[in-house]
Amino acid sequence: MWFRRPPDNPKLSNQRASVALTRTRLPVDLLAPGMRIVKLDRPWTEVPVLFQGFTIDNADQLSLLRHYCDWVVVEAETRTLAPLMSKIEARRRRREQPMPESRSLESELPGASRAYAAGQRFVSRMLADIEAGNMLDLTDSRPVIAACVTSISANPNAMFWMNRIKHQDAYTAEHCLRVAIFAVAFARFLDFPKQDMEVIGLCGLLHDIGKMHVPKTILNKPGALNSEEMAEMKRHTEYGFSLLQSHHTLDPIVAAVCRDHHERLDGRGYPRGLEAWQISRFARLISIVDAYDAITSDRCYRAGLSASDAMRILFRERNKQFDPELIEAFIRMIGIYPPGSLVEMTNGEIAVVIGTHPSYKLRPRIEILLNGDKQPIAQRLVDLKDEPTDDNGHIYTIAAPLPDGAYDISLSRRVRDMIRNQSIS
């Protein structure tokens, strides 16, 4: 049911007229109870169960606005809005800095590993139940995402490292979990409230659930799909929407994102060919992380591309397929060399990326593993942002990314060693 704006109360109208009121555009994450909403960034009918013009008076209204909108226009006293302008600027500055870390990568890896393993077990069981025709049980989905939120809040790079460990034969299951992790981290980077980080994580975890109703001959076909096969593949969004719509314990936005994550800003997406203003904020976010992970992963029909190649593709598709502001924010968060990447330096040394700097995408924090002759050395941390020099007095610079496993450096083995060292200490 859709509700229209109730008649104005004459007494309240007189009170508003007696004070200096200002209308200003605010990001939805800065909204608070008591603010009067006079305009959305989309038609009112695109946001469910809200009056056309209303004063926020409960958490459900705040949640709906955060899920569907990027910004709204509020009407309030000038003195009330002034402090919010400084908050907007502070948020902009924070996004130019690395995400805060309350724990080191080494100390957080064991927790990240446990959370990732629990997520793998949940997704594998869920997909097996769907394939077997069993009733869908999503009881454990929230604890799985809550554990990911906890780890990412402590140090997102630990989960990014876990996301780098991939197995082609488990693409669908691991892809769902990786999208959830990237989505939670991205939501944190964008200053989403914790409850929204959990909801967006569920959106990522369940976004491809409908693929279990697509025949495996199509899902795992090594060559190009014909028109009939492609049409069936595209139905996974509607299959997933039908599955999730019946789970009333989930936020409605989770099912909506499952249906809409392949919609495009230029109106050429599927299943409904929505226009830009009809695509929710959460669906826009999931579409980006979904595409990034798909591009960088090995598939049965092609090898995955590097992170830098993926970023070029995403950036090229801004304003057409993807939200341009979200694309630019995602690139700042991930960097050209994501955490867990192997890289070769211009002096021949080999290093692994530990963390990134949003304002210095080409100069991450690294750990040197091999010397110029590709021999193991005492590992040392180097922050390229500070433009340190090597033994020859040259500024450390990355020459090229390397594939996982180069020079027999196994990220999964390294993670296991770091976790074992933490347990021993």
Protein backbone atom coordinates (compact mmCIF):
# COMPACT_ATOMS: atom_id res chain seq x y z
CA MET A 1 0.00 0.00 0.00
CA TRP A 2 1.20 3.51 -0.84
CA PHE A 3 0.44 6.46 1.41
CA ARG A 4 0.12 10.09 0.43
CA ARG A 5 1.10 13.06 2.53
CA PRO A 6 -1.49 13.75 5.28
CA PRO A 7 -3.09 17.21 5.48
CA ASP A 8 -0.90 19.81 7.15
CA ASN A 9 -1.76 20.68 10.73
CA PRO A 10 -2.49 24.47 10.68
CA LYS A 11 -0.99 24.89 14.14
CA LEU A 12 2.27 23.20 13.11
CA SER A 13 2.34 25.18 9.87
CA ASN A 14 2.14 28.43 11.83
CA GLN A 15 4.93 27.27 14.12
CA ARG A 16 7.16 26.50 11.11
CA ALA A 17 6.43 29.90 9.64
CA SER A 18 7.53 31.61 12.85
CA VAL A 19 11.11 30.30 12.62
CA ALA A 20 13.74 30.52 9.88
CA LEU A 21 13.51 27.27 7.92
CA THR A 22 16.05 26.06 5.39
CA ARG A 23 15.81 23.30 2.83
CA THR A 24 19.01 21.42 2.12
CA ARG A 25 20.09 18.15 0.51
CA LEU A 26 21.53 15.63 2.96
CA PRO A 27 23.07 12.16 2.55
CA VAL A 28 20.69 9.62 4.03
CA ASP A 29 23.27 8.46 6.58
CA LEU A 30 23.06 11.85 8.34
CA LEU A 31 19.30 11.76 8.85
CA ALA A 32 17.88 11.67 12.36
CA PRO A 33 14.45 11.53 14.03
CA GLY A 34 12.62 14.83 13.97
CA MET A 35 13.83 15.87 10.50
CA ARG A 36 11.12 16.76 8.01
CA ILE A 37 11.61 15.10 4.58
CA VAL A 38 10.27 17.17 1.69
CA LYS A 39 11.93 15.51 -1.34
CA LEU A 40 13.67 12.27 -2.30
CA ASP A 41 16.21 11.49 -5.00
CA ARG A 42 13.53 9.37 -6.69
CA PRO A 43 9.73 9.41 -6.97
CA TRP A 44 7.93 8.88 -3.68
CA THR A 45 6.23 5.76 -4.99
CA GLU A 46 9.62 4.05 -5.40
CA VAL A 47 10.15 3.97 -1.62
CA PRO A 48 7.63 1.72 0.14
CA VAL A 49 5.26 2.74 2.92
CA LEU A 50 6.25 6.37 3.34
CA PHE A 51 4.10 9.51 3.25
CA GLN A 52 4.81 12.05 0.53
CA GLY A 53 6.33 14.59 2.88
CA PHE A 54 6.73 13.50 6.49
CA THR A 55 8.71 13.97 9.69
CA ILE A 56 10.96 11.07 10.67
CA ASP A 57 9.73 9.61 13.93
CA ASN A 58 10.98 6.01 13.99
CA ALA A 59 13.93 3.78 13.09
CA ASP A 60 12.04 1.92 10.36
CA GLN A 61 11.61 5.13 8.36
CA LEU A 62 15.32 5.88 8.70
CA SER A 63 16.19 2.36 7.56
CA LEU A 64 13.97 2.53 4.48
CA LEU A 65 15.49 5.83 3.40
CA ARG A 66 19.04 4.51 3.85
CA HIS A 67 18.27 1.36 1.86
CA TYR A 68 16.67 3.02 -1.14
CA CYS A 69 17.98 6.58 -1.40
CA ASP A 70 21.35 8.30 -1.64
CA TRP A 71 20.09 11.72 -0.54
CA VAL A 72 16.93 13.54 0.48
CA VAL A 73 15.93 17.18 0.93
CA VAL A 74 15.09 18.12 4.50
CA GLU A 75 13.42 21.19 5.92
CA ALA A 76 14.66 22.40 9.30
CA GLU A 77 15.86 25.41 11.21
CA THR A 78 19.10 26.81 9.84
CA ARG A 79 20.84 26.42 13.19
CA THR A 80 19.95 22.69 13.18
CA LEU A 81 21.39 22.04 9.72
CA ALA A 82 24.62 24.02 10.07
CA PRO A 83 26.49 21.38 12.15
CA LEU A 84 25.61 18.72 9.59
CA MET A 85 27.56 20.51 6.88
CA SER A 86 30.76 20.05 8.86
CA LYS A 87 29.91 16.34 9.26
CA ILE A 88 29.62 15.99 5.49
CA GLU A 89 33.08 17.50 5.03
CA ALA A 90 34.51 15.30 7.81
CA ARG A 91 33.13 12.20 6.08
CA ARG A 92 34.70 13.27 2.80
CA ARG A 93 38.09 13.63 4.49
CA ARG A 94 37.77 10.23 6.21
CA ARG A 95 37.26 8.54 2.85
CA GLU A 96 40.65 9.81 1.75
CA GLN A 97 42.28 7.90 4.63
CA PRO A 98 42.79 4.15 5.16
CA MET A 99 39.97 2.46 7.03
CA PRO A 100 40.79 2.46 10.75
CA GLU A 101 42.23 -0.72 12.22
CA SER A 102 41.81 -1.70 15.86
CA ARG A 103 43.82 -4.91 15.35
CA SER A 104 46.85 -5.76 13.22
CA LEU A 105 46.49 -7.97 10.15
CA GLU A 106 48.32 -10.82 11.88
CA SER A 107 46.18 -10.70 15.02
CA GLU A 108 42.90 -10.47 13.09
CA LEU A 109 43.59 -13.22 10.55
CA PRO A 110 42.52 -16.07 12.90
CA GLY A 111 39.14 -14.41 13.51
CA ALA A 112 38.74 -13.62 9.82
CA SER A 113 39.58 -17.22 8.95
CA ARG A 114 36.94 -18.55 11.36
CA ALA A 115 34.31 -16.14 10.04
CA TYR A 116 35.16 -17.03 6.44
CA ALA A 117 35.01 -20.77 7.14
CA ALA A 118 31.61 -20.38 8.84
CA GLY A 119 30.41 -18.43 5.82
CA GLN A 120 31.63 -21.15 3.45
CA ARG A 121 29.80 -23.84 5.43
CA PHE A 122 26.58 -21.82 5.48
CA VAL A 123 26.59 -21.01 1.75
CA SER A 124 27.49 -24.58 0.75
CA ARG A 125 24.68 -25.98 2.93
CA MET A 126 22.19 -23.40 1.66
CA LEU A 127 22.95 -24.10 -2.01
CA ALA A 128 22.82 -27.86 -1.44
CA ASP A 129 19.40 -27.53 0.23
CA ILE A 130 18.05 -25.53 -2.70
CA GLU A 131 19.41 -28.03 -5.20
CA ALA A 132 17.85 -30.90 -3.24
CA GLY A 133 14.49 -29.13 -3.04
CA ASN A 134 14.63 -28.76 0.74
CA MET A 135 13.01 -25.88 2.58
CA LEU A 136 15.27 -22.83 2.61
CA ASP A 137 16.66 -22.18 6.10
CA LEU A 138 18.34 -18.80 6.50
CA THR A 139 18.52 -18.89 10.30
CA ASP A 140 22.32 -18.83 10.37
CA SER A 141 22.72 -16.11 7.75
CA ARG A 142 22.67 -13.22 10.22
CA PRO A 143 25.30 -14.68 12.60
CA VAL A 144 27.53 -15.38 9.58
CA ILE A 145 27.32 -11.78 8.40
CA ALA A 146 27.62 -10.43 11.95
CA ALA A 147 30.94 -12.28 12.31
CA CYS A 148 32.16 -10.77 9.04
CA VAL A 149 31.13 -7.29 10.22
CA THR A 150 33.04 -7.79 13.47
CA SER A 151 36.22 -8.87 11.66
CA ILE A 152 36.01 -6.13 9.02
CA SER A 153 35.45 -3.53 11.73
CA ALA A 154 38.66 -4.69 13.43
CA ASN A 155 40.79 -4.87 10.26
CA PRO A 156 39.20 -5.17 6.80
CA ASN A 157 42.47 -6.29 5.22
CA ALA A 158 42.24 -9.66 6.98
CA MET A 159 38.97 -10.44 5.20
CA PHE A 160 40.37 -9.07 1.94
CA TRP A 161 43.19 -11.62 2.29
CA MET A 162 40.65 -14.41 2.78
CA ASN A 163 38.81 -13.24 -0.33
CA ARG A 164 41.96 -13.71 -2.40
CA ILE A 165 41.97 -17.48 -1.76
CA LYS A 166 39.79 -18.87 -4.56
CA HIS A 167 38.85 -22.27 -5.93
CA GLN A 168 37.38 -22.38 -9.45
CA ASP A 169 35.32 -25.51 -8.73
CA ALA A 170 33.45 -23.69 -5.94
CA TYR A 171 32.85 -20.43 -7.78
CA THR A 172 29.16 -19.84 -7.02
CA ALA A 173 29.45 -20.56 -3.28
CA GLU A 174 32.68 -18.59 -2.81
CA HIS A 175 31.45 -15.77 -5.04
CA CYS A 176 28.40 -15.23 -2.80
CA LEU A 177 30.59 -15.04 0.29
CA ARG A 178 33.18 -12.78 -1.34
CA VAL A 179 30.50 -10.37 -2.54
CA ALA A 180 29.10 -10.26 1.00
CA ILE A 181 32.55 -9.44 2.42
CA PHE A 182 33.30 -6.76 -0.18
CA ALA A 183 29.83 -5.29 0.37
CA VAL A 184 30.28 -5.07 4.15
CA ALA A 185 33.72 -3.50 3.76
CA PHE A 186 32.41 -1.03 1.18
CA ALA A 187 29.50 -0.11 3.44
CA ARG A 188 31.96 0.53 6.26
CA PHE A 189 34.10 2.68 3.95
CA LEU A 190 30.97 4.70 3.11
CA ASP A 191 30.13 5.16 6.81
CA PHE A 192 26.99 3.02 6.79
CA PRO A 193 25.55 2.36 10.27
CA LYS A 194 26.35 -1.11 11.63
CA GLN A 195 22.80 -2.40 11.11
CA ASP A 196 22.99 -1.43 7.44
CA MET A 197 26.38 -3.14 7.10
CA GLU A 198 24.68 -6.36 8.17
CA VAL A 199 21.76 -5.87 5.76
CA ILE A 200 24.05 -5.14 2.80
CA GLY A 201 26.08 -8.21 3.77
CA LEU A 202 22.92 -10.33 3.55
CA CYS A 203 22.19 -8.76 0.15
CA GLY A 204 25.63 -9.86 -1.03
CA LEU A 205 25.42 -13.32 0.52
CA LEU A 206 22.05 -14.08 -1.10
CA HIS A 207 22.22 -12.08 -4.35
CA ASP A 208 22.89 -15.12 -6.59
CA ILE A 209 20.73 -17.63 -4.74
CA GLY A 210 18.50 -17.99 -7.79
CA LYS A 211 21.33 -19.56 -9.80
CA MET A 212 20.59 -22.84 -8.08
CA HIS A 213 17.43 -23.03 -10.21
CA VAL A 214 19.44 -22.57 -13.42
CA PRO A 215 20.44 -25.90 -15.04
CA LYS A 216 24.08 -26.79 -14.37
CA THR A 217 24.64 -27.38 -18.07
CA ILE A 218 24.06 -23.65 -18.53
CA LEU A 219 25.71 -22.49 -15.30
CA ASN A 220 28.93 -24.40 -16.01
CA LYS A 221 29.03 -24.19 -19.81
CA PRO A 222 32.64 -23.49 -20.87
CA GLY A 223 31.67 -21.64 -24.05
CA ALA A 224 29.38 -18.75 -24.93
CA LEU A 225 25.68 -19.14 -24.13
CA ASN A 226 23.16 -19.09 -26.97
CA SER A 227 20.14 -16.79 -26.79
CA GLU A 228 17.88 -19.34 -25.10
CA GLU A 229 20.55 -20.25 -22.54
CA MET A 230 21.25 -16.58 -21.83
CA ALA A 231 17.55 -15.92 -21.30
CA GLU A 232 17.43 -18.76 -18.77
CA MET A 233 20.59 -17.52 -17.03
CA LYS A 234 19.05 -14.06 -16.65
CA ARG A 235 16.04 -15.58 -14.88
CA HIS A 236 18.22 -16.29 -11.84
CA THR A 237 17.35 -12.82 -10.55
CA GLU A 238 13.63 -13.59 -10.59
CA TYR A 239 14.12 -17.10 -9.19
CA GLY A 240 16.07 -15.63 -6.29
CA PHE A 241 13.49 -12.90 -5.71
CA SER A 242 10.73 -15.51 -5.44
CA LEU A 243 12.78 -17.59 -3.00
CA LEU A 244 13.62 -14.67 -0.71
CA GLN A 245 10.27 -12.88 -0.85
CA SER A 246 8.68 -15.60 1.26
CA HIS A 247 11.22 -15.14 4.07
CA HIS A 248 9.55 -12.42 6.08
CA THR A 249 12.36 -12.31 8.66
CA LEU A 250 14.58 -10.70 6.00
CA ASP A 251 14.52 -6.99 5.25
CA PRO A 252 12.48 -6.50 2.04
CA ILE A 253 15.48 -4.83 0.42
CA VAL A 254 17.36 -8.18 0.40
CA ALA A 255 14.88 -9.78 -2.02
CA ALA A 256 14.70 -6.55 -4.04
CA VAL A 257 18.50 -6.44 -4.46
CA CYS A 258 18.52 -10.11 -5.50
CA ARG A 259 16.12 -9.16 -8.32
CA ASP A 260 17.73 -5.82 -9.26
CA HIS A 261 21.51 -6.32 -9.03
CA HIS A 262 21.82 -6.67 -12.82
CA GLU A 263 19.87 -3.50 -13.59
CA ARG A 264 21.86 -0.70 -15.24
CA LEU A 265 21.79 3.06 -14.96
CA ASP A 266 21.30 3.35 -18.73
CA GLY A 267 18.11 1.26 -18.59
CA ARG A 268 19.61 -1.71 -20.46
CA GLY A 269 19.76 -4.07 -17.49
CA TYR A 270 17.53 -7.00 -16.53
CA PRO A 271 15.04 -8.35 -15.53
CA ARG A 272 12.90 -5.19 -15.72
CA GLY A 273 15.02 -2.67 -17.62
CA LEU A 274 14.75 -0.13 -14.81
CA GLU A 275 15.74 3.49 -15.24
CA ALA A 276 18.47 4.92 -13.02
CA TRP A 277 16.11 6.53 -10.52
CA GLN A 278 14.34 3.19 -9.98
CA ILE A 279 17.48 1.34 -8.83
CA SER A 280 17.97 1.36 -5.08
CA ARG A 281 21.16 2.44 -3.36
CA PHE A 282 21.82 -1.09 -2.10
CA ALA A 283 21.29 -2.66 -5.56
CA ARG A 284 23.77 -0.17 -7.04
CA LEU A 285 26.38 -1.11 -4.44
CA ILE A 286 25.95 -4.87 -4.88
CA SER A 287 26.13 -4.58 -8.68
CA ILE A 288 29.62 -3.08 -8.38
CA VAL A 289 31.12 -5.62 -5.97
CA ASP A 290 29.41 -8.48 -7.85
CA ALA A 291 30.98 -7.35 -11.13
CA TYR A 292 34.41 -6.78 -9.55
CA ASP A 293 34.59 -10.27 -8.08
CA ALA A 294 33.28 -11.89 -11.27
CA ILE A 295 35.87 -10.07 -13.40
CA THR A 296 38.79 -11.00 -11.14
CA SER A 297 37.82 -14.67 -10.66
CA ASP A 298 38.72 -17.67 -12.83
CA ARG A 299 35.63 -19.06 -14.55
CA CYS A 300 35.03 -22.23 -16.53
CA TYR A 301 35.14 -20.17 -19.74
CA ARG A 302 38.00 -17.70 -19.01
CA ALA A 303 40.76 -16.76 -16.59
CA GLY A 304 40.21 -13.93 -14.13
CA LEU A 305 41.64 -10.49 -14.88
CA SER A 306 43.88 -8.45 -12.60
CA ALA A 307 42.46 -5.95 -10.14
CA SER A 308 43.81 -3.05 -12.21
CA ASP A 309 42.11 -4.38 -15.35
CA ALA A 310 38.88 -4.81 -13.39
CA MET A 311 39.09 -1.23 -12.14
CA ARG A 312 39.53 0.03 -15.70
CA ILE A 313 36.43 -1.88 -16.80
CA LEU A 314 34.34 -0.63 -13.89
CA PHE A 315 35.49 2.95 -14.40
CA ARG A 316 34.72 2.76 -18.12
CA GLU A 317 31.17 1.60 -17.33
CA ARG A 318 30.40 4.40 -14.85
CA ASN A 319 27.25 6.35 -15.76
CA LYS A 320 26.25 3.50 -18.08
CA GLN A 321 26.13 0.39 -15.95
CA PHE A 322 27.32 1.64 -12.56
CA ASP A 323 26.78 4.58 -10.23
CA PRO A 324 29.76 6.93 -10.88
CA GLU A 325 30.14 8.15 -7.29
CA LEU A 326 30.07 4.60 -5.92
CA ILE A 327 32.56 3.43 -8.57
CA GLU A 328 35.04 6.14 -7.61
CA ALA A 329 34.61 5.34 -3.90
CA PHE A 330 35.09 1.60 -4.53
CA ILE A 331 38.32 2.24 -6.44
CA ARG A 332 39.58 4.38 -3.56
CA MET A 333 38.78 1.60 -1.09
CA ILE A 334 40.24 -1.35 -3.00
CA GLY A 335 43.14 0.41 -4.69
CA ILE A 336 44.88 -0.74 -7.83
CA TYR A 337 46.75 -3.37 -5.82
CA PRO A 338 44.28 -4.90 -3.32
CA PRO A 339 45.42 -6.40 0.01
CA GLY A 340 46.77 -9.90 -0.54
CA SER A 341 48.11 -9.12 -4.02
CA LEU A 342 51.61 -10.20 -5.00
CA VAL A 343 53.68 -7.51 -6.74
CA GLU A 344 57.15 -7.16 -8.22
CA MET A 345 59.10 -4.00 -7.46
CA THR A 346 61.22 -2.13 -10.00
CA ASN A 347 64.35 -3.43 -8.21
CA GLY A 348 63.16 -7.02 -8.70
CA GLU A 349 62.06 -7.66 -5.11
CA ILE A 350 58.79 -9.50 -4.53
CA ALA A 351 56.23 -8.29 -2.00
CA VAL A 352 52.69 -8.86 -0.82
CA VAL A 353 50.28 -5.95 -0.34
CA ILE A 354 49.26 -5.48 3.30
CA GLY A 355 46.92 -2.50 3.03
CA THR A 356 45.96 0.41 0.79
CA HIS A 357 45.72 4.20 1.00
CA PRO A 358 42.62 5.69 -0.72
CA SER A 359 44.55 8.84 -1.65
CA TYR A 360 47.61 6.91 -2.92
CA LYS A 361 46.16 4.08 -5.01
CA LEU A 362 49.54 3.17 -6.53
CA ARG A 363 51.47 3.30 -3.24
CA PRO A 364 50.08 0.70 -0.79
CA ARG A 365 51.66 -0.79 2.32
CA ILE A 366 53.67 -3.89 1.41
CA GLU A 367 55.76 -6.62 2.98
CA ILE A 368 58.95 -7.59 1.13
CA LEU A 369 59.26 -11.40 0.86
CA LEU A 370 62.01 -12.04 -1.75
CA ASN A 371 65.08 -10.05 -2.73
CA GLY A 372 66.00 -9.01 -6.26
CA ASP A 373 67.43 -12.50 -6.91
CA LYS A 374 64.09 -13.97 -5.83
CA GLN A 375 65.55 -15.45 -2.66
CA PRO A 376 63.74 -15.38 0.72
CA ILE A 377 64.83 -12.59 3.06
CA ALA A 378 63.87 -11.37 6.50
CA GLN A 379 60.42 -9.93 5.86
CA ARG A 380 60.03 -6.22 6.39
CA LEU A 381 57.15 -3.78 6.09
CA VAL A 382 57.39 -0.83 3.70
CA ASP A 383 54.82 1.95 3.33
CA LEU A 384 55.14 3.20 -0.24
CA LYS A 385 53.12 6.31 0.60
CA ASP A 386 56.20 7.65 2.41
CA GLU A 387 58.37 7.13 -0.73
CA PRO A 388 61.07 5.07 1.05
CA THR A 389 64.25 4.11 -0.80
CA ASP A 390 65.85 0.70 -1.31
CA ASP A 391 69.49 -0.26 -0.67
CA ASN A 392 70.51 1.46 -3.89
CA GLY A 393 68.85 4.74 -2.95
CA HIS A 394 66.00 4.35 -5.44
CA ILE A 395 62.40 5.05 -4.42
CA TYR A 396 60.46 1.81 -3.97
CA THR A 397 57.96 1.53 -6.83
CA ILE A 398 55.72 -1.31 -7.97
CA ALA A 399 56.62 -2.53 -11.45
CA ALA A 400 53.77 -5.00 -12.02
CA PRO A 401 51.20 -7.19 -10.26
CA LEU A 402 51.89 -10.93 -10.16
CA PRO A 403 49.48 -13.87 -10.30
CA ASP A 404 48.76 -15.67 -7.05
CA GLY A 405 51.28 -18.46 -6.60
CA ALA A 406 54.11 -16.69 -8.45
CA TYR A 407 57.59 -17.75 -7.26
CA ASP A 408 55.86 -20.49 -5.25
CA ILE A 409 54.35 -17.92 -2.87
CA SER A 410 51.01 -19.36 -1.79
CA LEU A 411 48.67 -16.88 -0.12
CA SER A 412 46.65 -19.66 1.52
CA ARG A 413 49.85 -21.24 2.90
CA ARG A 414 51.00 -17.84 4.11
CA VAL A 415 47.68 -17.25 5.87
CA ARG A 416 47.93 -20.64 7.57
CA ASP A 417 51.50 -19.88 8.70
CA MET A 418 50.49 -16.49 10.09
CA ILE A 419 47.54 -18.01 11.96
CA ARG A 420 49.77 -20.77 13.36
CA ASN A 421 52.35 -18.20 14.49
CA GLN A 422 49.62 -16.25 16.25
CA SER A 423 48.39 -19.36 18.09
CA ILE A 424 51.96 -20.23 19.15
CA SER A 425 52.63 -16.73 20.44
